[in-house]
Amino acid sequence: DATGEPGWAAVRTGLFSRDALVPLQPSRADGEGLHV
């Protein structure tokens, strides 16, 4: 809310499972995907 920067990602971990929130810091994104 304060910075407007991406903070968390909701990750769908399976077909019938709920989304789990993961911090985007210190994660990294590349051409393959998001690495947490």
All heavy atoms as atom14 arrays in JSON, in Angstrom:
{
  "sequence": "DATGEPGWAAVRTGLFSRDALVPLQPSRADGEGLHV",
  "atom14_mask": [
    [1, 1, 1, 1, 1, 1, 1, 1, 0, 0, 0, 0, 0, 0],
    [1, 1, 1, 1, 1, 0, 0, 0, 0, 0, 0, 0, 0, 0],
    [1, 1, 1, 1, 1, 1, 1, 0, 0, 0, 0, 0, 0, 0],
    [1, 1, 1, 1, 0, 0, 0, 0, 0, 0, 0, 0, 0, 0],
    [1, 1, 1, 1, 1, 1, 1, 1, 1, 0, 0, 0, 0, 0],
    [1, 1, 1, 1, 1, 1, 1, 0, 0, 0, 0, 0, 0, 0],
    [1, 1, 1, 1, 0, 0, 0, 0, 0, 0, 0, 0, 0, 0],
    [1, 1, 1, 1, 1, 1, 1, 1, 1, 1, 1, 1, 1, 1],
    [1, 1, 1, 1, 1, 0, 0, 0, 0, 0, 0, 0, 0, 0],
    [1, 1, 1, 1, 1, 0, 0, 0, 0, 0, 0, 0, 0, 0],
    [1, 1, 1, 1, 1, 1, 1, 0, 0, 0, 0, 0, 0, 0],
    [1, 1, 1, 1, 1, 1, 1, 1, 1, 1, 1, 0, 0, 0],
    [1, 1, 1, 1, 1, 1, 1, 0, 0, 0, 0, 0, 0, 0],
    [1, 1, 1, 1, 0, 0, 0, 0, 0, 0, 0, 0, 0, 0],
    [1, 1, 1, 1, 1, 1, 1, 1, 0, 0, 0, 0, 0, 0],
    [1, 1, 1, 1, 1, 1, 1, 1, 1, 1, 1, 0, 0, 0],
    [1, 1, 1, 1, 1, 1, 0, 0, 0, 0, 0, 0, 0, 0],
    [1, 1, 1, 1, 1, 1, 1, 1, 1, 1, 1, 0, 0, 0],
    [1, 1, 1, 1, 1, 1, 1, 1, 0, 0, 0, 0, 0, 0],
    [1, 1, 1, 1, 1, 0, 0, 0, 0, 0, 0, 0, 0, 0],
    [1, 1, 1, 1, 1, 1, 1, 1, 0, 0, 0, 0, 0, 0],
    [1, 1, 1, 1, 1, 1, 1, 0, 0, 0, 0, 0, 0, 0],
    [1, 1, 1, 1, 1, 1, 1, 0, 0, 0, 0, 0, 0, 0],
    [1, 1, 1, 1, 1, 1, 1, 1, 0, 0, 0, 0, 0, 0],
    [1, 1, 1, 1, 1, 1, 1, 1, 1, 0, 0, 0, 0, 0],
    [1, 1, 1, 1, 1, 1, 1, 0, 0, 0, 0, 0, 0, 0],
    [1, 1, 1, 1, 1, 1, 0, 0, 0, 0, 0, 0, 0, 0],
    [1, 1, 1, 1, 1, 1, 1, 1, 1, 1, 1, 0, 0, 0],
    [1, 1, 1, 1, 1, 0, 0, 0, 0, 0, 0, 0, 0, 0],
    [1, 1, 1, 1, 1, 1, 1, 1, 0, 0, 0, 0, 0, 0],
    [1, 1, 1, 1, 0, 0, 0, 0, 0, 0, 0, 0, 0, 0],
    [1, 1, 1, 1, 1, 1, 1, 1, 1, 0, 0, 0, 0, 0],
    [1, 1, 1, 1, 0, 0, 0, 0, 0, 0, 0, 0, 0, 0],
    [1, 1, 1, 1, 1, 1, 1, 1, 0, 0, 0, 0, 0, 0],
    [1, 1, 1, 1, 1, 1, 1, 1, 1, 1, 0, 0, 0, 0],
    [1, 1, 1, 1, 1, 1, 1, 0, 0, 0, 0, 0, 0, 0]
  ],
  "atom14_positions": [
    [[0.81, -1.22, 0.0], [0.0, 0.0, 0.0], [0.85, 1.27, 0.0], [0.49, 2.25, -0.62], [-0.93, 0.03, 1.21], [-2.1, -0.93, 1.08], [-2.37, -1.39, -0.04], [-2.74, -1.22, 2.11], [0.0, 0.0, 0.0], [0.0, 0.0, 0.0], [0.0, 0.0, 0.0], [0.0, 0.0, 0.0], [0.0, 0.0, 0.0], [0.0, 0.0, 0.0]],
    [[1.96, 1.25, 0.73], [2.77, 2.45, 0.87], [3.64, 2.72, -0.36], [3.78, 3.86, -0.78], [3.65, 2.34, 2.11], [0.0, 0.0, 0.0], [0.0, 0.0, 0.0], [0.0, 0.0, 0.0], [0.0, 0.0, 0.0], [0.0, 0.0, 0.0], [0.0, 0.0, 0.0], [0.0, 0.0, 0.0], [0.0, 0.0, 0.0], [0.0, 0.0, 0.0]],
    [[4.22, 1.68, -0.93], [5.19, 1.88, -2.01], [4.64, 1.55, -3.39], [5.21, 1.97, -4.39], [6.43, 1.01, -1.78], [6.06, -0.37, -1.88], [7.07, 1.29, -0.43], [0.0, 0.0, 0.0], [0.0, 0.0, 0.0], [0.0, 0.0, 0.0], [0.0, 0.0, 0.0], [0.0, 0.0, 0.0], [0.0, 0.0, 0.0], [0.0, 0.0, 0.0]],
    [[3.6, 0.71, -3.46], [3.08, 0.26, -4.74], [3.92, -0.84, -5.36], [3.64, -1.3, -6.47], [0.0, 0.0, 0.0], [0.0, 0.0, 0.0], [0.0, 0.0, 0.0], [0.0, 0.0, 0.0], [0.0, 0.0, 0.0], [0.0, 0.0, 0.0], [0.0, 0.0, 0.0], [0.0, 0.0, 0.0], [0.0, 0.0, 0.0], [0.0, 0.0, 0.0]],
    [[4.95, -1.28, -4.66], [5.83, -2.35, -5.16], [5.2, -3.72, -4.9], [4.5, -3.9, -3.91], [7.19, -2.29, -4.45], [7.99, -1.04, -4.75], [8.44, -0.97, -6.19], [8.8, -2.01, -6.77], [8.42, 0.14, -6.75], [0.0, 0.0, 0.0], [0.0, 0.0, 0.0], [0.0, 0.0, 0.0], [0.0, 0.0, 0.0], [0.0, 0.0, 0.0]],
    [[5.48, -4.69, -5.77], [4.99, -6.05, -5.53], [5.57, -6.59, -4.21], [6.77, -6.5, -3.99], [5.53, -6.85, -6.72], [5.87, -5.84, -7.76], [6.23, -4.58, -7.02], [0.0, 0.0, 0.0], [0.0, 0.0, 0.0], [0.0, 0.0, 0.0], [0.0, 0.0, 0.0], [0.0, 0.0, 0.0], [0.0, 0.0, 0.0], [0.0, 0.0, 0.0]],
    [[4.7, -7.13, -3.35], [5.15, -7.62, -2.05], [4.94, -9.11, -1.84], [5.78, -9.78, -1.25], [0.0, 0.0, 0.0], [0.0, 0.0, 0.0], [0.0, 0.0, 0.0], [0.0, 0.0, 0.0], [0.0, 0.0, 0.0], [0.0, 0.0, 0.0], [0.0, 0.0, 0.0], [0.0, 0.0, 0.0], [0.0, 0.0, 0.0], [0.0, 0.0, 0.0]],
    [[3.82, -9.63, -2.32], [3.46, -11.03, -2.1], [2.87, -11.6, -3.37], [2.23, -10.89, -4.15], [2.41, -11.15, -0.98], [2.87, -10.6, 0.32], [2.72, -9.32, 0.77], [3.58, -11.3, 1.34], [3.29, -9.19, 2.01], [3.82, -10.38, 2.38], [4.03, -12.61, 1.47], [4.5, -10.74, 3.55], [4.7, -12.96, 2.64], [4.92, -12.04, 3.65]],
    [[3.04, -12.9, -3.56], [2.41, -13.6, -4.69], [1.53, -14.7, -4.13], [1.91, -15.42, -3.21], [3.47, -14.21, -5.61], [0.0, 0.0, 0.0], [0.0, 0.0, 0.0], [0.0, 0.0, 0.0], [0.0, 0.0, 0.0], [0.0, 0.0, 0.0], [0.0, 0.0, 0.0], [0.0, 0.0, 0.0], [0.0, 0.0, 0.0], [0.0, 0.0, 0.0]],
    [[0.32, -14.8, -4.68], [-0.58, -15.91, -4.33], [-0.25, -17.04, -5.3], [-0.37, -16.88, -6.51], [-2.03, -15.49, -4.46], [0.0, 0.0, 0.0], [0.0, 0.0, 0.0], [0.0, 0.0, 0.0], [0.0, 0.0, 0.0], [0.0, 0.0, 0.0], [0.0, 0.0, 0.0], [0.0, 0.0, 0.0], [0.0, 0.0, 0.0], [0.0, 0.0, 0.0]],
    [[0.2, -18.17, -4.75], [0.64, -19.29, -5.57], [-0.37, -20.43, -5.45], [-0.65, -20.91, -4.36], [2.04, -19.78, -5.13], [2.47, -20.99, -5.93], [3.05, -18.66, -5.26], [0.0, 0.0, 0.0], [0.0, 0.0, 0.0], [0.0, 0.0, 0.0], [0.0, 0.0, 0.0], [0.0, 0.0, 0.0], [0.0, 0.0, 0.0], [0.0, 0.0, 0.0]],
    [[-0.9, -20.84, -6.58], [-1.8, -22.0, -6.64], [-0.91, -23.23, -6.66], [-0.18, -23.45, -7.6], [-2.68, -21.93, -7.88], [-3.54, -23.14, -8.16], [-4.66, -23.33, -7.22], [-5.49, -22.13, -7.15], [-6.62, -22.07, -6.49], [-7.07, -23.11, -5.85], [-7.31, -20.96, -6.45], [0.0, 0.0, 0.0], [0.0, 0.0, 0.0], [0.0, 0.0, 0.0]],
    [[-0.97, -24.03, -5.58], [-0.06, -25.17, -5.44], [-0.64, -26.48, -5.93], [0.04, -27.5, -5.88], [0.4, -25.32, -3.98], [-0.75, -25.52, -3.16], [1.18, -24.11, -3.52], [0.0, 0.0, 0.0], [0.0, 0.0, 0.0], [0.0, 0.0, 0.0], [0.0, 0.0, 0.0], [0.0, 0.0, 0.0], [0.0, 0.0, 0.0], [0.0, 0.0, 0.0]],
    [[-1.88, -26.48, -6.38], [-2.5, -27.7, -6.89], [-3.87, -27.4, -7.44], [-4.41, -26.31, -7.24], [0.0, 0.0, 0.0], [0.0, 0.0, 0.0], [0.0, 0.0, 0.0], [0.0, 0.0, 0.0], [0.0, 0.0, 0.0], [0.0, 0.0, 0.0], [0.0, 0.0, 0.0], [0.0, 0.0, 0.0], [0.0, 0.0, 0.0], [0.0, 0.0, 0.0]],
    [[-4.46, -28.37, -8.14], [-5.74, -28.16, -8.8], [-6.85, -27.79, -7.81], [-7.63, -26.88, -8.05], [-6.14, -29.41, -9.58], [-7.37, -29.3, -10.46], [-7.22, -28.17, -11.47], [-7.64, -30.61, -11.17], [0.0, 0.0, 0.0], [0.0, 0.0, 0.0], [0.0, 0.0, 0.0], [0.0, 0.0, 0.0], [0.0, 0.0, 0.0], [0.0, 0.0, 0.0]],
    [[-6.9, -28.48, -6.68], [-7.97, -28.24, -5.71], [-7.48, -27.62, -4.41], [-8.21, -27.57, -3.43], [-8.7, -29.55, -5.4], [-9.35, -30.14, -6.61], [-8.83, -31.27, -7.21], [-10.47, -29.53, -7.17], [-9.43, -31.81, -8.33], [-11.06, -30.06, -8.3], [-10.55, -31.2, -8.88], [0.0, 0.0, 0.0], [0.0, 0.0, 0.0], [0.0, 0.0, 0.0]],
    [[-6.26, -27.12, -4.4], [-5.73, -26.54, -3.16], [-5.9, -25.03, -3.17], [-6.09, -24.41, -4.2], [-4.26, -26.93, -2.99], [-3.51, -26.5, -4.09], [0.0, 0.0, 0.0], [0.0, 0.0, 0.0], [0.0, 0.0, 0.0], [0.0, 0.0, 0.0], [0.0, 0.0, 0.0], [0.0, 0.0, 0.0], [0.0, 0.0, 0.0], [0.0, 0.0, 0.0]],
    [[-5.8, -24.45, -2.0], [-5.92, -23.01, -1.85], [-4.63, -22.34, -2.31], [-3.6, -22.97, -2.46], [-6.18, -22.66, -0.39], [-5.0, -23.0, 0.51], [-5.23, -22.54, 1.94], [-4.17, -22.98, 2.81], [-3.01, -22.35, 2.96], [-2.76, -21.27, 2.3], [-2.11, -22.82, 3.8], [0.0, 0.0, 0.0], [0.0, 0.0, 0.0], [0.0, 0.0, 0.0]],
    [[-4.71, -21.05, -2.52], [-3.51, -20.28, -2.83], [-2.72, -20.05, -1.55], [-3.3, -19.8, -0.49], [-3.87, -18.91, -3.43], [-4.33, -19.0, -4.88], [-4.32, -20.11, -5.45], [-4.68, -17.96, -5.44], [0.0, 0.0, 0.0], [0.0, 0.0, 0.0], [0.0, 0.0, 0.0], [0.0, 0.0, 0.0], [0.0, 0.0, 0.0], [0.0, 0.0, 0.0]],
    [[-1.4, -20.12, -1.66], [-0.52, -19.82, -0.54], [0.23, -18.54, -0.89], [0.7, -18.38, -2.01], [0.47, -20.96, -0.32], [0.0, 0.0, 0.0], [0.0, 0.0, 0.0], [0.0, 0.0, 0.0], [0.0, 0.0, 0.0], [0.0, 0.0, 0.0], [0.0, 0.0, 0.0], [0.0, 0.0, 0.0], [0.0, 0.0, 0.0], [0.0, 0.0, 0.0]],
    [[0.3, -17.61, 0.06], [1.02, -16.37, -0.19], [2.5, -16.55, 0.13], [2.86, -17.12, 1.16], [0.44, -15.24, 0.66], [-0.96, -14.79, 0.25], [-1.44, -13.68, 1.15], [-1.0, -14.34, -1.18], [0.0, 0.0, 0.0], [0.0, 0.0, 0.0], [0.0, 0.0, 0.0], [0.0, 0.0, 0.0], [0.0, 0.0, 0.0], [0.0, 0.0, 0.0]],
    [[3.33, -16.09, -0.81], [4.79, -16.14, -0.65], [5.36, -14.75, -0.85], [4.91, -14.01, -1.72], [5.47, -17.08, -1.66], [5.95, -18.34, -1.06], [4.66, -17.35, -2.86], [0.0, 0.0, 0.0], [0.0, 0.0, 0.0], [0.0, 0.0, 0.0], [0.0, 0.0, 0.0], [0.0, 0.0, 0.0], [0.0, 0.0, 0.0], [0.0, 0.0, 0.0]],
    [[6.35, -14.39, -0.04], [6.96, -13.07, -0.2], [7.75, -13.0, -1.5], [8.41, -13.96, -1.9], [7.88, -12.94, 1.01], [8.09, -14.31, 1.51], [6.94, -15.15, 1.06], [0.0, 0.0, 0.0], [0.0, 0.0, 0.0], [0.0, 0.0, 0.0], [0.0, 0.0, 0.0], [0.0, 0.0, 0.0], [0.0, 0.0, 0.0], [0.0, 0.0, 0.0]],
    [[7.66, -11.87, -2.17], [8.42, -11.68, -3.39], [9.84, -11.2, -3.11], [10.68, -11.22, -4.0], [7.7, -10.7, -4.32], [6.44, -11.3, -4.95], [5.66, -10.23, -5.7], [6.79, -12.45, -5.86], [0.0, 0.0, 0.0], [0.0, 0.0, 0.0], [0.0, 0.0, 0.0], [0.0, 0.0, 0.0], [0.0, 0.0, 0.0], [0.0, 0.0, 0.0]],
    [[10.1, -10.8, -1.9], [11.45, -10.42, -1.51], [11.95, -11.48, -0.56], [11.28, -11.71, 0.43], [11.42, -9.05, -0.83], [12.77, -8.43, -0.63], [13.41, -8.05, -1.94], [13.48, -8.86, -2.85], [13.91, -6.86, -2.05], [0.0, 0.0, 0.0], [0.0, 0.0, 0.0], [0.0, 0.0, 0.0], [0.0, 0.0, 0.0], [0.0, 0.0, 0.0]],
    [[12.91, -12.25, -0.79], [14.02, -12.17, -1.73], [13.88, -13.11, -2.93], [14.86, -13.68, -3.38], [15.2, -12.54, -0.87], [14.65, -13.61, 0.04], [13.21, -13.18, 0.29], [0.0, 0.0, 0.0], [0.0, 0.0, 0.0], [0.0, 0.0, 0.0], [0.0, 0.0, 0.0], [0.0, 0.0, 0.0], [0.0, 0.0, 0.0], [0.0, 0.0, 0.0]],
    [[12.69, -13.3, -3.43], [12.49, -14.16, -4.6], [13.06, -13.49, -5.84], [13.35, -12.3, -5.85], [10.99, -14.42, -4.81], [10.43, -14.98, -3.65], [0.0, 0.0, 0.0], [0.0, 0.0, 0.0], [0.0, 0.0, 0.0], [0.0, 0.0, 0.0], [0.0, 0.0, 0.0], [0.0, 0.0, 0.0], [0.0, 0.0, 0.0], [0.0, 0.0, 0.0]],
    [[13.21, -14.28, -6.92], [13.69, -13.71, -8.18], [12.9, -14.27, -9.34], [12.49, -15.43, -9.34], [15.18, -13.94, -8.36], [15.56, -15.39, -8.58], [17.05, -15.57, -8.83], [17.37, -16.98, -8.87], [17.19, -17.77, -9.91], [16.7, -17.27, -11.03], [17.49, -19.05, -9.87], [0.0, 0.0, 0.0], [0.0, 0.0, 0.0], [0.0, 0.0, 0.0]],
    [[12.66, -13.43, -10.31], [11.95, -13.84, -11.52], [12.95, -13.88, -12.67], [13.84, -13.05, -12.77], [10.83, -12.84, -11.83], [0.0, 0.0, 0.0], [0.0, 0.0, 0.0], [0.0, 0.0, 0.0], [0.0, 0.0, 0.0], [0.0, 0.0, 0.0], [0.0, 0.0, 0.0], [0.0, 0.0, 0.0], [0.0, 0.0, 0.0], [0.0, 0.0, 0.0]],
    [[12.79, -14.91, -13.53], [13.6, -15.0, -14.74], [12.73, -15.59, -15.84], [11.52, -15.74, -15.66], [14.87, -15.82, -14.5], [14.61, -17.27, -14.09], [13.49, -17.78, -14.32], [15.53, -17.9, -13.54], [0.0, 0.0, 0.0], [0.0, 0.0, 0.0], [0.0, 0.0, 0.0], [0.0, 0.0, 0.0], [0.0, 0.0, 0.0], [0.0, 0.0, 0.0]],
    [[13.31, -15.93, -16.95], [12.55, -16.47, -18.08], [11.87, -17.79, -17.78], [10.88, -18.15, -18.41], [0.0, 0.0, 0.0], [0.0, 0.0, 0.0], [0.0, 0.0, 0.0], [0.0, 0.0, 0.0], [0.0, 0.0, 0.0], [0.0, 0.0, 0.0], [0.0, 0.0, 0.0], [0.0, 0.0, 0.0], [0.0, 0.0, 0.0], [0.0, 0.0, 0.0]],
    [[12.39, -18.53, -16.81], [11.82, -19.83, -16.45], [10.58, -19.68, -15.56], [9.66, -20.47, -15.63], [12.9, -20.64, -15.73], [12.49, -22.05, -15.4], [13.6, -22.81, -14.68], [14.51, -22.18, -14.12], [13.53, -24.03, -14.68], [0.0, 0.0, 0.0], [0.0, 0.0, 0.0], [0.0, 0.0, 0.0], [0.0, 0.0, 0.0], [0.0, 0.0, 0.0]],
    [[10.59, -18.67, -14.69], [9.48, -18.47, -13.76], [9.92, -17.69, -12.55], [10.86, -16.91, -12.59], [0.0, 0.0, 0.0], [0.0, 0.0, 0.0], [0.0, 0.0, 0.0], [0.0, 0.0, 0.0], [0.0, 0.0, 0.0], [0.0, 0.0, 0.0], [0.0, 0.0, 0.0], [0.0, 0.0, 0.0], [0.0, 0.0, 0.0], [0.0, 0.0, 0.0]],
    [[9.21, -17.91, -11.44], [9.5, -17.25, -10.18], [10.16, -18.27, -9.26], [9.62, -19.35, -9.02], [8.21, -16.72, -9.55], [8.34, -16.01, -8.22], [9.12, -14.7, -8.38], [6.96, -15.73, -7.64], [0.0, 0.0, 0.0], [0.0, 0.0, 0.0], [0.0, 0.0, 0.0], [0.0, 0.0, 0.0], [0.0, 0.0, 0.0], [0.0, 0.0, 0.0]],
    [[11.34, -17.91, -8.74], [12.09, -18.79, -7.84], [12.03, -18.22, -6.44], [12.44, -17.09, -6.21], [13.54, -18.91, -8.31], [13.67, -19.49, -9.68], [13.86, -20.83, -9.91], [13.58, -18.9, -10.9], [13.91, -21.03, -11.22], [13.73, -19.88, -11.84], [0.0, 0.0, 0.0], [0.0, 0.0, 0.0], [0.0, 0.0, 0.0], [0.0, 0.0, 0.0]],
    [[11.47, -19.0, -5.51], [11.34, -18.57, -4.13], [12.29, -19.37, -3.26], [12.47, -20.57, -3.47], [9.88, -18.68, -3.63], [8.97, -17.76, -4.42], [9.37, -20.1, -3.72], [0.0, 0.0, 0.0], [0.0, 0.0, 0.0], [0.0, 0.0, 0.0], [0.0, 0.0, 0.0], [0.0, 0.0, 0.0], [0.0, 0.0, 0.0], [0.0, 0.0, 0.0]]
  ]
}
